[in-house]
């Protein structure tokens, strides 16, 4: 099997990219531009200098095959599509959401959510899904999933701003409890 397309390796490269393009670019000496972009050659060189060799072919494979389209390539640059805990401006225009969006969580979070609504926690925005299935998968990463319905139509009418990332994740600053079911 071609090493560039081994599934375990693909997952390992994807996790490495997430860590360094979303959360800790400085760990390998990267400086992202204000939009979260970095030159691909710079990324590959920084990773290699820190003991993690990635080929351009592997990088392209991870970007092309990632089921959640976590990364975007534009010309000679790459960035994470969303999910940053560092300050970036993804430059996403405001978008009109569908009437309802969904958020996957686990039962242990429900009391806090009922009291305070959904907050971005260590990220820049609350992540919402356009369908229940995706929200269920997101919640299942942390245990038995609970899917909350967000009255996005009412939020939008009340002045809350929504954006949609390159990979179809809906983003908003926070969801007050009154918009949750």
N, C-alpha and C. Protein backbone atom coordinates (compact mmCIF):
# COMPACT_ATOMS: atom_id res chain seq x y z
N UNK A 1 0.84 -1.20 0.00
CA UNK A 1 0.00 0.00 0.00
C UNK A 1 0.88 1.25 0.00
N UNK A 2 0.50 2.24 -0.74
CA UNK A 2 1.23 3.50 -0.80
C UNK A 2 1.15 4.19 0.56
N UNK A 3 2.29 4.48 1.16
CA UNK A 3 2.36 5.09 2.48
C UNK A 3 1.55 6.37 2.55
N UNK A 4 1.48 7.14 1.45
CA UNK A 4 0.76 8.41 1.45
C UNK A 4 -0.73 8.25 1.64
N UNK A 5 -1.25 7.02 1.49
CA UNK A 5 -2.70 6.84 1.58
C UNK A 5 -3.09 5.79 2.62
N UNK A 6 -2.20 5.49 3.56
CA UNK A 6 -2.50 4.61 4.68
C UNK A 6 -3.45 5.38 5.62
N UNK A 7 -4.58 4.74 5.97
CA UNK A 7 -5.62 5.42 6.76
C UNK A 7 -5.11 5.92 8.11
N UNK A 8 -4.32 5.11 8.82
CA UNK A 8 -3.80 5.56 10.13
C UNK A 8 -2.90 6.77 9.95
N UNK A 9 -2.09 6.75 8.92
CA UNK A 9 -1.19 7.88 8.64
C UNK A 9 -2.01 9.13 8.29
N UNK A 10 -3.06 8.95 7.49
CA UNK A 10 -3.92 10.07 7.11
C UNK A 10 -4.53 10.72 8.35
N UNK A 11 -5.01 9.91 9.28
CA UNK A 11 -5.60 10.44 10.53
C UNK A 11 -4.53 11.17 11.34
N UNK A 12 -3.34 10.59 11.42
CA UNK A 12 -2.25 11.20 12.17
C UNK A 12 -1.89 12.58 11.59
N UNK A 13 -1.78 12.65 10.26
CA UNK A 13 -1.46 13.93 9.60
C UNK A 13 -2.59 14.94 9.83
N UNK A 14 -3.84 14.49 9.73
CA UNK A 14 -4.99 15.37 9.94
C UNK A 14 -4.98 15.96 11.36
N UNK A 15 -4.71 15.12 12.36
CA UNK A 15 -4.66 15.59 13.75
C UNK A 15 -3.51 16.57 13.95
N UNK A 16 -2.38 16.29 13.31
CA UNK A 16 -1.23 17.19 13.40
C UNK A 16 -1.57 18.55 12.81
N UNK A 17 -2.21 18.53 11.63
CA UNK A 17 -2.60 19.80 10.99
C UNK A 17 -3.60 20.56 11.86
N UNK A 18 -4.60 19.86 12.42
CA UNK A 18 -5.58 20.52 13.29
C UNK A 18 -4.89 21.21 14.46
N UNK A 19 -4.00 20.47 15.11
CA UNK A 19 -3.32 21.04 16.28
C UNK A 19 -2.56 22.31 15.93
N UNK A 20 -1.86 22.29 14.78
CA UNK A 20 -0.98 23.41 14.46
C UNK A 20 -1.62 24.50 13.61
N UNK A 21 -2.72 24.22 12.93
CA UNK A 21 -3.41 25.26 12.15
C UNK A 21 -4.60 25.86 12.91
N UNK A 22 -5.07 25.19 13.98
CA UNK A 22 -6.22 25.69 14.74
C UNK A 22 -5.84 26.20 16.12
N UNK A 23 -4.82 25.58 16.74
CA UNK A 23 -4.61 25.83 18.16
C UNK A 23 -3.21 26.31 18.55
N UNK A 24 -2.17 25.66 18.04
CA UNK A 24 -0.81 25.97 18.53
C UNK A 24 0.22 26.09 17.41
N UNK A 25 0.02 27.03 16.48
CA UNK A 25 1.00 27.16 15.39
C UNK A 25 2.40 27.48 15.92
N UNK A 26 2.47 28.23 17.03
CA UNK A 26 3.77 28.65 17.56
C UNK A 26 4.60 27.47 18.06
N UNK A 27 3.95 26.33 18.37
CA UNK A 27 4.69 25.15 18.85
C UNK A 27 5.72 24.68 17.83
N UNK A 28 5.42 24.91 16.53
CA UNK A 28 6.39 24.50 15.50
C UNK A 28 6.94 25.73 14.76
N UNK A 29 6.77 26.91 15.40
CA UNK A 29 7.35 28.13 14.83
C UNK A 29 6.58 28.72 13.67
N UNK A 30 5.30 28.38 13.55
CA UNK A 30 4.48 28.96 12.47
C UNK A 30 3.84 30.26 12.92
N UNK A 31 3.69 31.19 11.98
CA UNK A 31 2.91 32.40 12.21
C UNK A 31 1.84 32.43 11.12
N UNK A 32 0.58 32.29 11.53
CA UNK A 32 -0.52 32.34 10.56
C UNK A 32 -0.84 33.79 10.25
N UNK A 33 -1.30 34.07 9.04
CA UNK A 33 -1.71 35.44 8.74
C UNK A 33 -3.06 35.69 9.43
N UNK A 34 -3.58 36.94 9.39
CA UNK A 34 -4.81 37.23 10.14
C UNK A 34 -6.01 36.35 9.74
N UNK A 35 -6.00 35.81 8.53
CA UNK A 35 -7.08 34.93 8.09
C UNK A 35 -6.83 33.46 8.41
N UNK A 36 -5.72 33.18 9.09
CA UNK A 36 -5.41 31.80 9.46
C UNK A 36 -4.61 31.03 8.42
N UNK A 37 -4.17 31.70 7.36
CA UNK A 37 -3.44 31.05 6.26
C UNK A 37 -1.95 30.97 6.56
N UNK A 38 -1.30 29.93 6.01
CA UNK A 38 0.15 29.82 6.05
C UNK A 38 0.58 29.20 4.71
N UNK A 39 1.77 29.57 4.25
CA UNK A 39 2.31 28.98 3.04
C UNK A 39 2.54 27.49 3.27
N UNK A 40 2.12 26.66 2.33
CA UNK A 40 2.27 25.21 2.46
C UNK A 40 3.73 24.82 2.62
N UNK A 41 4.63 25.43 1.85
CA UNK A 41 6.06 25.11 1.96
C UNK A 41 6.58 25.43 3.36
N UNK A 42 6.10 26.52 3.94
CA UNK A 42 6.50 26.92 5.30
C UNK A 42 6.01 25.89 6.31
N UNK A 43 4.77 25.44 6.16
CA UNK A 43 4.20 24.43 7.05
C UNK A 43 5.00 23.12 6.97
N UNK A 44 5.27 22.65 5.76
CA UNK A 44 6.00 21.40 5.57
C UNK A 44 7.40 21.50 6.18
N UNK A 45 8.07 22.63 5.96
CA UNK A 45 9.42 22.83 6.51
C UNK A 45 9.39 22.89 8.04
N UNK A 46 8.39 23.59 8.61
CA UNK A 46 8.29 23.71 10.07
C UNK A 46 8.01 22.34 10.70
N UNK A 47 7.11 21.58 10.09
CA UNK A 47 6.80 20.24 10.61
C UNK A 47 8.05 19.36 10.58
N UNK A 48 8.78 19.38 9.46
CA UNK A 48 9.99 18.57 9.33
C UNK A 48 11.04 18.98 10.36
N UNK A 49 11.19 20.28 10.58
CA UNK A 49 12.15 20.79 11.55
C UNK A 49 11.81 20.33 12.97
N UNK A 50 10.53 20.00 13.20
CA UNK A 50 10.09 19.54 14.52
C UNK A 50 9.81 18.04 14.51
N UNK A 51 10.44 17.31 13.57
CA UNK A 51 10.41 15.85 13.59
C UNK A 51 9.17 15.20 13.01
N UNK A 52 8.35 15.95 12.28
CA UNK A 52 7.16 15.35 11.67
C UNK A 52 7.19 15.64 10.18
N UNK A 53 7.63 14.66 9.39
CA UNK A 53 7.76 14.87 7.95
C UNK A 53 6.43 14.62 7.25
N UNK A 54 6.02 15.57 6.43
CA UNK A 54 4.79 15.46 5.63
C UNK A 54 5.18 15.77 4.19
N UNK A 55 4.73 14.95 3.25
CA UNK A 55 4.95 15.26 1.85
C UNK A 55 3.78 16.11 1.34
N UNK A 56 4.02 16.84 0.27
CA UNK A 56 2.94 17.63 -0.34
C UNK A 56 1.81 16.70 -0.78
N UNK A 57 2.16 15.50 -1.27
CA UNK A 57 1.14 14.54 -1.69
C UNK A 57 0.26 14.13 -0.52
N UNK A 58 0.88 13.87 0.64
CA UNK A 58 0.09 13.51 1.83
C UNK A 58 -0.83 14.65 2.24
N UNK A 59 -0.30 15.86 2.22
CA UNK A 59 -1.09 17.03 2.58
C UNK A 59 -2.31 17.17 1.66
N UNK A 60 -2.07 17.07 0.36
CA UNK A 60 -3.18 17.17 -0.61
C UNK A 60 -4.20 16.06 -0.38
N UNK A 61 -3.71 14.85 -0.07
CA UNK A 61 -4.60 13.71 0.18
C UNK A 61 -5.49 13.97 1.41
N UNK A 62 -4.88 14.45 2.50
CA UNK A 62 -5.63 14.73 3.73
C UNK A 62 -6.68 15.80 3.46
N UNK A 63 -6.31 16.86 2.77
CA UNK A 63 -7.26 17.94 2.48
C UNK A 63 -8.40 17.43 1.60
N UNK A 64 -8.07 16.64 0.59
CA UNK A 64 -9.08 16.15 -0.36
C UNK A 64 -10.01 15.11 0.23
N UNK A 65 -9.51 14.27 1.13
CA UNK A 65 -10.31 13.15 1.61
C UNK A 65 -10.92 13.36 2.98
N UNK A 66 -10.60 14.46 3.68
CA UNK A 66 -11.14 14.65 5.01
C UNK A 66 -12.65 14.78 4.93
N UNK A 67 -13.35 13.87 5.62
CA UNK A 67 -14.82 13.83 5.52
C UNK A 67 -15.47 15.12 6.01
N UNK A 68 -14.82 15.82 6.91
CA UNK A 68 -15.40 17.07 7.42
C UNK A 68 -14.82 18.30 6.72
N UNK A 69 -13.97 18.09 5.72
CA UNK A 69 -13.34 19.20 4.98
C UNK A 69 -12.77 20.22 5.97
N UNK A 70 -11.95 19.73 6.88
CA UNK A 70 -11.41 20.59 7.94
C UNK A 70 -10.42 21.64 7.43
N UNK A 71 -9.85 21.41 6.24
CA UNK A 71 -8.80 22.29 5.74
C UNK A 71 -9.13 22.79 4.34
N UNK A 72 -8.61 23.98 4.03
CA UNK A 72 -8.81 24.55 2.70
C UNK A 72 -7.44 24.93 2.14
N UNK A 73 -7.25 24.68 0.85
CA UNK A 73 -6.04 25.11 0.16
C UNK A 73 -6.46 26.16 -0.87
N UNK A 74 -5.72 27.26 -0.89
CA UNK A 74 -5.96 28.33 -1.85
C UNK A 74 -4.59 28.69 -2.42
N UNK A 75 -4.35 28.34 -3.66
CA UNK A 75 -3.03 28.60 -4.26
C UNK A 75 -1.95 27.85 -3.51
N UNK A 76 -0.99 28.59 -2.95
CA UNK A 76 0.13 27.96 -2.25
C UNK A 76 -0.06 27.99 -0.73
N UNK A 77 -1.31 28.30 -0.29
CA UNK A 77 -1.58 28.45 1.15
C UNK A 77 -2.59 27.42 1.64
N UNK A 78 -2.56 27.17 2.95
CA UNK A 78 -3.50 26.26 3.59
C UNK A 78 -4.00 26.90 4.89
N UNK A 79 -5.24 26.56 5.30
CA UNK A 79 -5.73 26.96 6.61
C UNK A 79 -6.77 25.95 7.08
N UNK A 80 -7.05 25.97 8.37
CA UNK A 80 -8.16 25.21 8.92
C UNK A 80 -9.44 25.95 8.57
N UNK A 81 -10.51 25.22 8.26
CA UNK A 81 -11.77 25.85 7.85
C UNK A 81 -12.49 26.53 9.01
N UNK A 82 -12.40 25.96 10.21
CA UNK A 82 -12.96 26.57 11.41
C UNK A 82 -12.46 25.79 12.61
N UNK A 83 -12.90 26.17 13.81
CA UNK A 83 -12.52 25.44 15.02
C UNK A 83 -11.29 25.99 15.71
N UNK A 84 -10.86 27.18 15.35
CA UNK A 84 -9.66 27.77 15.94
C UNK A 84 -9.88 28.16 17.40
N UNK A 85 -8.83 27.98 18.21
CA UNK A 85 -8.85 28.55 19.56
C UNK A 85 -7.91 29.77 19.59
N UNK A 86 -7.24 30.04 18.49
CA UNK A 86 -6.38 31.23 18.37
C UNK A 86 -7.15 32.29 17.58
N UNK A 87 -6.70 33.52 17.66
CA UNK A 87 -7.40 34.63 17.01
C UNK A 87 -7.18 34.61 15.50
N UNK A 88 -8.24 34.37 14.75
CA UNK A 88 -8.19 34.47 13.29
C UNK A 88 -9.50 35.10 12.80
N UNK A 89 -9.42 35.71 11.65
CA UNK A 89 -10.62 36.26 11.00
C UNK A 89 -10.80 35.48 9.72
N UNK A 90 -11.76 34.57 9.71
CA UNK A 90 -11.96 33.72 8.54
C UNK A 90 -12.57 34.49 7.37
N UNK A 91 -13.00 35.74 7.61
CA UNK A 91 -13.53 36.57 6.53
C UNK A 91 -14.83 36.04 5.95
N UNK A 92 -15.62 35.37 6.78
CA UNK A 92 -16.87 34.80 6.29
C UNK A 92 -17.97 35.85 6.33
N UNK A 93 -18.70 36.04 5.23
CA UNK A 93 -19.78 37.03 5.23
C UNK A 93 -20.96 36.51 6.06
N UNK A 94 -21.76 37.42 6.63
CA UNK A 94 -22.96 36.98 7.33
C UNK A 94 -23.85 36.18 6.38
N UNK A 95 -24.55 35.19 6.91
CA UNK A 95 -25.41 34.33 6.09
C UNK A 95 -26.74 34.12 6.80
N UNK A 96 -27.80 33.94 6.02
CA UNK A 96 -29.12 33.68 6.60
C UNK A 96 -29.24 32.18 6.86
N UNK A 97 -29.44 31.80 8.13
CA UNK A 97 -29.49 30.38 8.45
C UNK A 97 -30.85 29.78 8.06
N UNK A 98 -30.91 28.45 8.00
CA UNK A 98 -32.21 27.79 7.83
C UNK A 98 -33.02 28.02 9.12
N UNK A 99 -34.32 27.70 9.12
CA UNK A 99 -35.14 27.93 10.31
C UNK A 99 -34.59 27.25 11.56
N UNK A 100 -34.04 26.04 11.40
CA UNK A 100 -33.51 25.32 12.56
C UNK A 100 -32.12 24.79 12.27
N UNK A 101 -31.27 24.86 13.29
CA UNK A 101 -29.95 24.26 13.25
C UNK A 101 -29.84 23.35 14.47
N UNK A 102 -28.80 22.55 14.52
CA UNK A 102 -28.69 21.53 15.56
C UNK A 102 -27.31 21.55 16.20
N UNK A 103 -27.28 21.19 17.49
CA UNK A 103 -26.01 21.14 18.23
C UNK A 103 -25.95 19.84 19.00
N UNK A 104 -24.87 19.08 18.77
CA UNK A 104 -24.68 17.82 19.48
C UNK A 104 -23.86 18.04 20.74
N UNK A 105 -24.33 17.45 21.84
CA UNK A 105 -23.62 17.54 23.12
C UNK A 105 -23.87 16.25 23.87
N UNK A 106 -23.56 16.23 25.17
CA UNK A 106 -23.84 15.07 26.02
C UNK A 106 -24.66 15.54 27.22
N UNK A 107 -25.36 14.60 27.85
CA UNK A 107 -26.29 14.92 28.94
C UNK A 107 -25.62 15.72 30.06
N UNK A 108 -24.35 15.43 30.34
CA UNK A 108 -23.65 16.12 31.42
C UNK A 108 -23.54 17.63 31.23
N UNK A 109 -23.70 18.09 30.00
CA UNK A 109 -23.61 19.54 29.72
C UNK A 109 -24.96 20.25 29.78
N UNK A 110 -26.06 19.50 29.88
CA UNK A 110 -27.39 20.11 29.71
C UNK A 110 -27.74 21.15 30.77
N UNK A 111 -27.39 20.92 32.04
CA UNK A 111 -27.75 21.91 33.07
C UNK A 111 -27.10 23.25 32.78
N UNK A 112 -25.81 23.23 32.44
CA UNK A 112 -25.10 24.48 32.13
C UNK A 112 -25.69 25.14 30.88
N UNK A 113 -26.05 24.32 29.89
CA UNK A 113 -26.61 24.87 28.65
C UNK A 113 -27.98 25.49 28.92
N UNK A 114 -28.81 24.81 29.74
CA UNK A 114 -30.13 25.36 30.07
C UNK A 114 -29.99 26.71 30.78
N UNK A 115 -28.96 26.84 31.62
CA UNK A 115 -28.75 28.08 32.38
C UNK A 115 -28.15 29.19 31.52
N UNK A 116 -27.13 28.85 30.74
CA UNK A 116 -26.34 29.88 30.04
C UNK A 116 -26.46 29.85 28.53
N UNK A 117 -27.12 28.85 27.97
CA UNK A 117 -27.17 28.71 26.52
C UNK A 117 -25.88 28.09 26.02
N UNK A 118 -25.68 28.17 24.72
CA UNK A 118 -24.45 27.64 24.11
C UNK A 118 -23.43 28.76 24.00
N UNK A 119 -22.23 28.49 24.48
CA UNK A 119 -21.13 29.46 24.41
C UNK A 119 -19.97 28.85 23.65
N UNK A 120 -19.11 29.68 23.08
CA UNK A 120 -18.02 29.14 22.27
C UNK A 120 -16.95 28.39 23.07
N UNK A 121 -16.94 28.53 24.39
CA UNK A 121 -15.93 27.91 25.24
C UNK A 121 -14.54 28.32 24.75
N UNK A 122 -13.67 27.36 24.38
CA UNK A 122 -12.30 27.75 23.98
C UNK A 122 -12.19 28.05 22.49
N UNK A 123 -13.33 28.11 21.79
CA UNK A 123 -13.29 28.43 20.36
C UNK A 123 -13.82 29.83 20.13
N UNK A 124 -13.83 30.26 18.86
CA UNK A 124 -14.29 31.61 18.54
C UNK A 124 -15.77 31.72 18.36
N UNK A 125 -16.43 30.60 18.11
CA UNK A 125 -17.86 30.63 17.81
C UNK A 125 -18.48 29.31 18.24
N UNK A 126 -19.79 29.34 18.40
CA UNK A 126 -20.55 28.11 18.63
C UNK A 126 -20.71 27.44 17.27
N UNK A 127 -20.49 26.13 17.22
CA UNK A 127 -20.60 25.36 15.98
C UNK A 127 -21.96 24.68 15.94
N UNK A 128 -22.69 24.88 14.84
CA UNK A 128 -24.02 24.29 14.67
C UNK A 128 -24.07 23.51 13.36
N UNK A 129 -24.91 22.49 13.33
CA UNK A 129 -25.04 21.63 12.16
C UNK A 129 -26.38 21.87 11.48
N UNK A 130 -26.41 21.67 10.17
CA UNK A 130 -27.64 21.87 9.41
C UNK A 130 -28.57 20.67 9.52
N UNK A 131 -28.07 19.53 10.04
CA UNK A 131 -28.92 18.35 10.15
C UNK A 131 -28.64 17.61 11.45
N UNK A 132 -29.65 16.84 11.90
CA UNK A 132 -29.56 16.08 13.15
C UNK A 132 -28.46 15.03 13.12
N UNK A 133 -28.26 14.38 11.96
CA UNK A 133 -27.28 13.30 11.86
C UNK A 133 -25.88 13.80 12.19
N UNK A 134 -25.51 14.95 11.62
CA UNK A 134 -24.18 15.51 11.88
C UNK A 134 -24.06 15.88 13.36
N UNK A 135 -25.09 16.52 13.91
CA UNK A 135 -25.07 16.91 15.33
C UNK A 135 -24.94 15.68 16.23
N UNK A 136 -25.59 14.60 15.84
CA UNK A 136 -25.51 13.35 16.62
C UNK A 136 -24.08 12.83 16.61
N UNK A 137 -23.43 12.85 15.44
CA UNK A 137 -22.03 12.39 15.35
C UNK A 137 -21.12 13.26 16.21
N UNK A 138 -21.35 14.59 16.19
CA UNK A 138 -20.53 15.50 16.98
C UNK A 138 -20.69 15.18 18.47
N UNK A 139 -21.93 15.03 18.93
CA UNK A 139 -22.17 14.72 20.34
C UNK A 139 -21.58 13.38 20.74
N UNK A 140 -21.62 12.40 19.83
CA UNK A 140 -21.15 11.05 20.12
C UNK A 140 -19.64 10.99 20.34
N UNK A 141 -18.90 12.03 19.94
CA UNK A 141 -17.45 12.03 20.17
C UNK A 141 -17.13 12.12 21.66
N UNK A 142 -18.10 12.59 22.47
CA UNK A 142 -17.86 12.78 23.90
C UNK A 142 -18.71 11.88 24.79
N UNK A 143 -19.47 10.96 24.19
CA UNK A 143 -20.33 10.07 24.98
C UNK A 143 -21.64 9.83 24.27
N UNK A 144 -22.70 9.56 25.06
CA UNK A 144 -24.01 9.33 24.45
C UNK A 144 -24.58 10.67 24.02
N UNK A 145 -24.87 10.85 22.72
CA UNK A 145 -25.23 12.19 22.22
C UNK A 145 -26.64 12.64 22.58
N UNK A 146 -26.75 13.93 22.83
CA UNK A 146 -28.02 14.62 22.97
C UNK A 146 -28.01 15.71 21.90
N UNK A 147 -29.07 15.80 21.11
CA UNK A 147 -29.12 16.81 20.06
C UNK A 147 -30.10 17.90 20.44
N UNK A 148 -29.60 19.14 20.47
CA UNK A 148 -30.43 20.30 20.77
C UNK A 148 -30.86 20.96 19.45
N UNK A 149 -32.10 21.43 19.41
CA UNK A 149 -32.59 22.16 18.25
C UNK A 149 -32.47 23.65 18.55
N UNK A 150 -31.88 24.38 17.62
CA UNK A 150 -31.68 25.83 17.76
C UNK A 150 -32.66 26.53 16.83
N UNK A 151 -33.46 27.44 17.38
CA UNK A 151 -34.40 28.22 16.57
C UNK A 151 -33.61 29.35 15.89
N UNK A 152 -32.86 28.95 14.86
CA UNK A 152 -31.96 29.89 14.17
C UNK A 152 -32.74 30.98 13.45
N UNK A 153 -33.93 30.64 12.95
CA UNK A 153 -34.75 31.65 12.28
C UNK A 153 -35.10 32.79 13.22
N UNK A 154 -35.55 32.46 14.43
CA UNK A 154 -35.89 33.49 15.43
C UNK A 154 -34.64 34.27 15.85
N UNK A 155 -33.53 33.55 16.05
CA UNK A 155 -32.29 34.25 16.42
C UNK A 155 -31.91 35.28 15.36
N UNK A 156 -31.97 34.85 14.10
CA UNK A 156 -31.62 35.73 12.98
C UNK A 156 -32.54 36.96 12.96
N UNK A 157 -33.84 36.72 13.10
CA UNK A 157 -34.80 37.85 13.13
C UNK A 157 -34.51 38.79 14.29
N UNK A 158 -34.00 38.24 15.39
CA UNK A 158 -33.70 39.06 16.57
C UNK A 158 -32.32 39.71 16.51
N UNK A 159 -31.62 39.58 15.38
CA UNK A 159 -30.37 40.29 15.18
C UNK A 159 -29.09 39.51 15.41
N UNK A 160 -29.19 38.23 15.74
CA UNK A 160 -27.98 37.42 15.90
C UNK A 160 -27.39 37.13 14.52
N UNK A 161 -26.06 37.20 14.43
CA UNK A 161 -25.37 37.03 13.15
C UNK A 161 -24.86 35.60 13.02
N UNK A 162 -25.06 35.03 11.85
CA UNK A 162 -24.58 33.68 11.53
C UNK A 162 -23.62 33.75 10.37
N UNK A 163 -22.68 32.81 10.36
CA UNK A 163 -21.76 32.63 9.24
C UNK A 163 -21.75 31.15 8.92
N UNK A 164 -21.39 30.81 7.68
CA UNK A 164 -21.23 29.40 7.33
C UNK A 164 -19.80 29.20 6.84
N UNK A 165 -19.11 28.23 7.43
CA UNK A 165 -17.70 27.99 7.08
C UNK A 165 -17.61 27.28 5.73
N UNK A 166 -16.40 27.20 5.22
CA UNK A 166 -16.16 26.57 3.92
C UNK A 166 -16.64 25.12 3.89
N UNK A 167 -16.69 24.47 5.04
CA UNK A 167 -17.11 23.07 5.08
C UNK A 167 -18.54 22.89 5.61
N UNK A 168 -19.34 23.95 5.59
CA UNK A 168 -20.76 23.81 5.89
C UNK A 168 -21.14 23.84 7.36
N UNK A 169 -20.21 24.21 8.24
CA UNK A 169 -20.54 24.35 9.67
C UNK A 169 -21.07 25.75 9.90
N UNK A 170 -22.21 25.86 10.59
CA UNK A 170 -22.79 27.17 10.92
C UNK A 170 -22.14 27.68 12.19
N UNK A 171 -21.79 28.96 12.20
CA UNK A 171 -21.10 29.59 13.32
C UNK A 171 -21.88 30.79 13.80
N UNK A 172 -21.98 30.96 15.12
CA UNK A 172 -22.58 32.15 15.72
C UNK A 172 -21.89 32.40 17.05
N UNK A 173 -21.95 33.63 17.56
CA UNK A 173 -21.22 33.98 18.79
C UNK A 173 -21.69 33.19 20.00
N UNK A 174 -23.01 33.03 20.16
CA UNK A 174 -23.58 32.32 21.31
C UNK A 174 -25.04 32.05 20.99
N UNK A 175 -25.63 31.09 21.70
CA UNK A 175 -27.05 30.79 21.55
C UNK A 175 -27.70 30.91 22.92
N UNK A 176 -28.45 32.00 23.16
CA UNK A 176 -29.12 32.15 24.46
C UNK A 176 -30.11 31.00 24.69
N UNK A 177 -30.35 30.63 25.96
CA UNK A 177 -31.20 29.47 26.26
C UNK A 177 -32.59 29.53 25.65
N UNK A 178 -33.14 30.73 25.49
CA UNK A 178 -34.53 30.81 24.98
C UNK A 178 -34.68 30.32 23.55
N UNK A 179 -33.58 30.17 22.81
CA UNK A 179 -33.65 29.68 21.42
C UNK A 179 -33.40 28.18 21.31
N UNK A 180 -33.27 27.50 22.45
CA UNK A 180 -32.92 26.07 22.46
C UNK A 180 -34.11 25.19 22.80
N UNK A 181 -34.16 24.04 22.14
CA UNK A 181 -35.14 23.00 22.50
C UNK A 181 -34.42 21.68 22.59
